[in-house]
Amino acid sequence: MTARIFQRPKNAMQSGKALTDQWILEFAPAEARRADPLMGWAGSGDTQVQVVLNFASSAEAQAYAERYGIAARVQETPAKRLKLQAYADNFR
């Protein structure tokens, strides 16, 4: 059972940064998804994919993974880059 630990990204549909300080542990799929023969919906028998755990810090998430023997990798958050631009730059 493998998992990845990452920081929740900012919602692209809103300007607020709520919940971006949370760290998430989510499990990797153990089996491939397949189409249901009757309805055609994608699904699998792997129920661990549905489990998403929230933590206050990366250290807490790593401690949880170690305690329960989960092989987890931490995906670092990329550095935020600001593009500072003046309104007058739109007319150059």
C-alpha atoms as a PDB file:
ATOM      1  CA  MET A   1       0.000   0.000   0.000  1.00  0.00           C
ATOM      2  CA  THR A   2       1.580   3.253  -1.140  1.00  0.00           C
ATOM      3  CA  ALA A   3       0.433   6.809  -0.619  1.00  0.00           C
ATOM      4  CA  ARG A   4       1.434  10.357  -1.397  1.00  0.00           C
ATOM      5  CA  ILE A   5       1.470  13.299   0.978  1.00  0.00           C
ATOM      6  CA  PHE A   6       0.930  16.756  -0.473  1.00  0.00           C
ATOM      7  CA  GLN A   7      -0.287  20.184   0.506  1.00  0.00           C
ATOM      8  CA  ARG A   8      -3.790  21.078  -0.626  1.00  0.00           C
ATOM      9  CA  PRO A   9      -3.603  23.462  -3.630  1.00  0.00           C
ATOM     10  CA  LYS A  10      -5.470  26.749  -3.875  1.00  0.00           C
ATOM     11  CA  ASN A  11      -8.902  26.504  -5.448  1.00  0.00           C
ATOM     12  CA  ALA A  12      -8.612  27.773  -9.017  1.00  0.00           C
ATOM     13  CA  MET A  13     -12.219  28.971  -9.088  1.00  0.00           C
ATOM     14  CA  GLN A  14     -11.874  31.364  -6.145  1.00  0.00           C
ATOM     15  CA  SER A  15      -9.349  33.936  -5.014  1.00  0.00           C
ATOM     16  CA  GLY A  16      -9.318  32.822  -1.367  1.00  0.00           C
ATOM     17  CA  LYS A  17      -6.666  30.583   0.156  1.00  0.00           C
ATOM     18  CA  ALA A  18      -8.805  28.681   2.664  1.00  0.00           C
ATOM     19  CA  LEU A  19      -7.632  25.156   3.575  1.00  0.00           C
ATOM     20  CA  THR A  20      -4.316  25.568   1.724  1.00  0.00           C
ATOM     21  CA  ASP A  21      -2.429  24.983   4.975  1.00  0.00           C
ATOM     22  CA  GLN A  22      -3.714  21.392   5.203  1.00  0.00           C
ATOM     23  CA  TRP A  23      -1.646  18.363   4.190  1.00  0.00           C
ATOM     24  CA  ILE A  24      -3.374  15.413   2.530  1.00  0.00           C
ATOM     25  CA  LEU A  25      -2.495  11.726   2.514  1.00  0.00           C
ATOM     26  CA  GLU A  26      -4.126   9.841  -0.348  1.00  0.00           C
ATOM     27  CA  PHE A  27      -3.546   6.272  -1.431  1.00  0.00           C
ATOM     28  CA  ALA A  28      -2.321   5.192  -4.861  1.00  0.00           C
ATOM     29  CA  PRO A  29      -4.638   2.881  -6.811  1.00  0.00           C
ATOM     30  CA  ALA A  30      -3.803  -0.800  -6.301  1.00  0.00           C
ATOM     31  CA  GLU A  31      -5.597  -1.941  -9.449  1.00  0.00           C
ATOM     32  CA  ALA A  32      -6.577  -0.369 -12.739  1.00  0.00           C
ATOM     33  CA  ARG A  33     -10.047   1.009 -13.307  1.00  0.00           C
ATOM     34  CA  ARG A  34     -12.215  -0.890 -15.742  1.00  0.00           C
ATOM     35  CA  ALA A  35     -15.486  -0.187 -17.507  1.00  0.00           C
ATOM     36  CA  ASP A  36     -18.621  -1.768 -16.083  1.00  0.00           C
ATOM     37  CA  PRO A  37     -20.096  -4.106 -18.733  1.00  0.00           C
ATOM     38  CA  LEU A  38     -23.684  -2.978 -18.144  1.00  0.00           C
ATOM     39  CA  MET A  39     -23.490   0.781 -17.631  1.00  0.00           C
ATOM     40  CA  GLY A  40     -20.017   1.583 -18.974  1.00  0.00           C
ATOM     41  CA  TRP A  41     -18.994   3.490 -15.837  1.00  0.00           C
ATOM     42  CA  ALA A  42     -15.366   3.293 -14.729  1.00  0.00           C
ATOM     43  CA  GLY A  43     -14.769   1.537 -11.437  1.00  0.00           C
ATOM     44  CA  SER A  44     -12.581  -0.900  -9.539  1.00  0.00           C
ATOM     45  CA  GLY A  45     -12.621  -3.094  -6.463  1.00  0.00           C
ATOM     46  CA  ASP A  46     -10.001  -0.965  -4.731  1.00  0.00           C
ATOM     47  CA  THR A  47     -11.672   0.958  -1.906  1.00  0.00           C
ATOM     48  CA  GLN A  48      -8.472   2.564  -0.536  1.00  0.00           C
ATOM     49  CA  VAL A  49      -8.562   5.173  -3.321  1.00  0.00           C
ATOM     50  CA  GLN A  50     -11.649   6.680  -1.682  1.00  0.00           C
ATOM     51  CA  VAL A  51      -9.779   7.359   1.579  1.00  0.00           C
ATOM     52  CA  VAL A  52      -8.359  10.882   1.904  1.00  0.00           C
ATOM     53  CA  LEU A  53      -6.860  11.949   5.245  1.00  0.00           C
ATOM     54  CA  ASN A  54      -6.240  15.578   6.269  1.00  0.00           C
ATOM     55  CA  PHE A  55      -3.399  16.654   8.580  1.00  0.00           C
ATOM     56  CA  ALA A  56      -2.226  19.986   9.967  1.00  0.00           C
ATOM     57  CA  SER A  57       1.408  19.426   8.969  1.00  0.00           C
ATOM     58  CA  SER A  58       3.602  17.250   6.806  1.00  0.00           C
ATOM     59  CA  ALA A  59       5.276  15.775   9.888  1.00  0.00           C
ATOM     60  CA  GLU A  60       1.932  14.564  11.251  1.00  0.00           C
ATOM     61  CA  ALA A  61       1.097  12.871   7.954  1.00  0.00           C
ATOM     62  CA  GLN A  62       4.511  11.192   7.812  1.00  0.00           C
ATOM     63  CA  ALA A  63       4.178  10.000  11.430  1.00  0.00           C
ATOM     64  CA  TYR A  64       0.766   8.502  10.628  1.00  0.00           C
ATOM     65  CA  ALA A  65       2.181   6.680   7.605  1.00  0.00           C
ATOM     66  CA  GLU A  66       5.089   5.292   9.623  1.00  0.00           C
ATOM     67  CA  ARG A  67       2.817   4.199  12.475  1.00  0.00           C
ATOM     68  CA  TYR A  68       0.615   2.131  10.143  1.00  0.00           C
ATOM     69  CA  GLY A  69       3.374   0.882   7.831  1.00  0.00           C
ATOM     70  CA  ILE A  70       2.325   2.868   4.766  1.00  0.00           C
ATOM     71  CA  ALA A  71       5.023   3.603   2.212  1.00  0.00           C
ATOM     72  CA  ALA A  72       4.434   7.291   1.604  1.00  0.00           C
ATOM     73  CA  ARG A  73       6.294   9.864  -0.440  1.00  0.00           C
ATOM     74  CA  VAL A  74       6.076  13.585   0.241  1.00  0.00           C
ATOM     75  CA  GLN A  75       5.368  15.794  -2.745  1.00  0.00           C
ATOM     76  CA  GLU A  76       6.768  19.220  -1.951  1.00  0.00           C
ATOM     77  CA  THR A  77       4.738  22.304  -2.822  1.00  0.00           C
ATOM     78  CA  PRO A  78       6.321  24.335  -5.634  1.00  0.00           C
ATOM     79  CA  ALA A  79       7.456  27.836  -4.776  1.00  0.00           C
ATOM     80  CA  LYS A  80       4.907  30.534  -5.521  1.00  0.00           C
ATOM     81  CA  ARG A  81       6.009  33.023  -8.151  1.00  0.00           C
ATOM     82  CA  LEU A  82       4.343  36.403  -8.422  1.00  0.00           C
ATOM     83  CA  LYS A  83       4.236  38.172 -11.754  1.00  0.00           C
ATOM     84  CA  LEU A  84       4.322  41.826 -10.772  1.00  0.00           C
ATOM     85  CA  GLN A  85       3.022  43.930 -13.611  1.00  0.00           C
ATOM     86  CA  ALA A  86       1.764  47.443 -13.912  1.00  0.00           C
ATOM     87  CA  TYR A  87      -1.489  48.255 -15.656  1.00  0.00           C
ATOM     88  CA  ALA A  88       0.423  50.382 -18.177  1.00  0.00           C
ATOM     89  CA  ASP A  89       2.265  47.260 -19.367  1.00  0.00           C
ATOM     90  CA  ASN A  90      -0.960  46.133 -21.090  1.00  0.00           C
ATOM     91  CA  PHE A  91      -0.557  48.975 -23.624  1.00  0.00           C
ATOM     92  CA  ARG A  92       3.095  48.451 -24.660  1.00  0.00           C
END
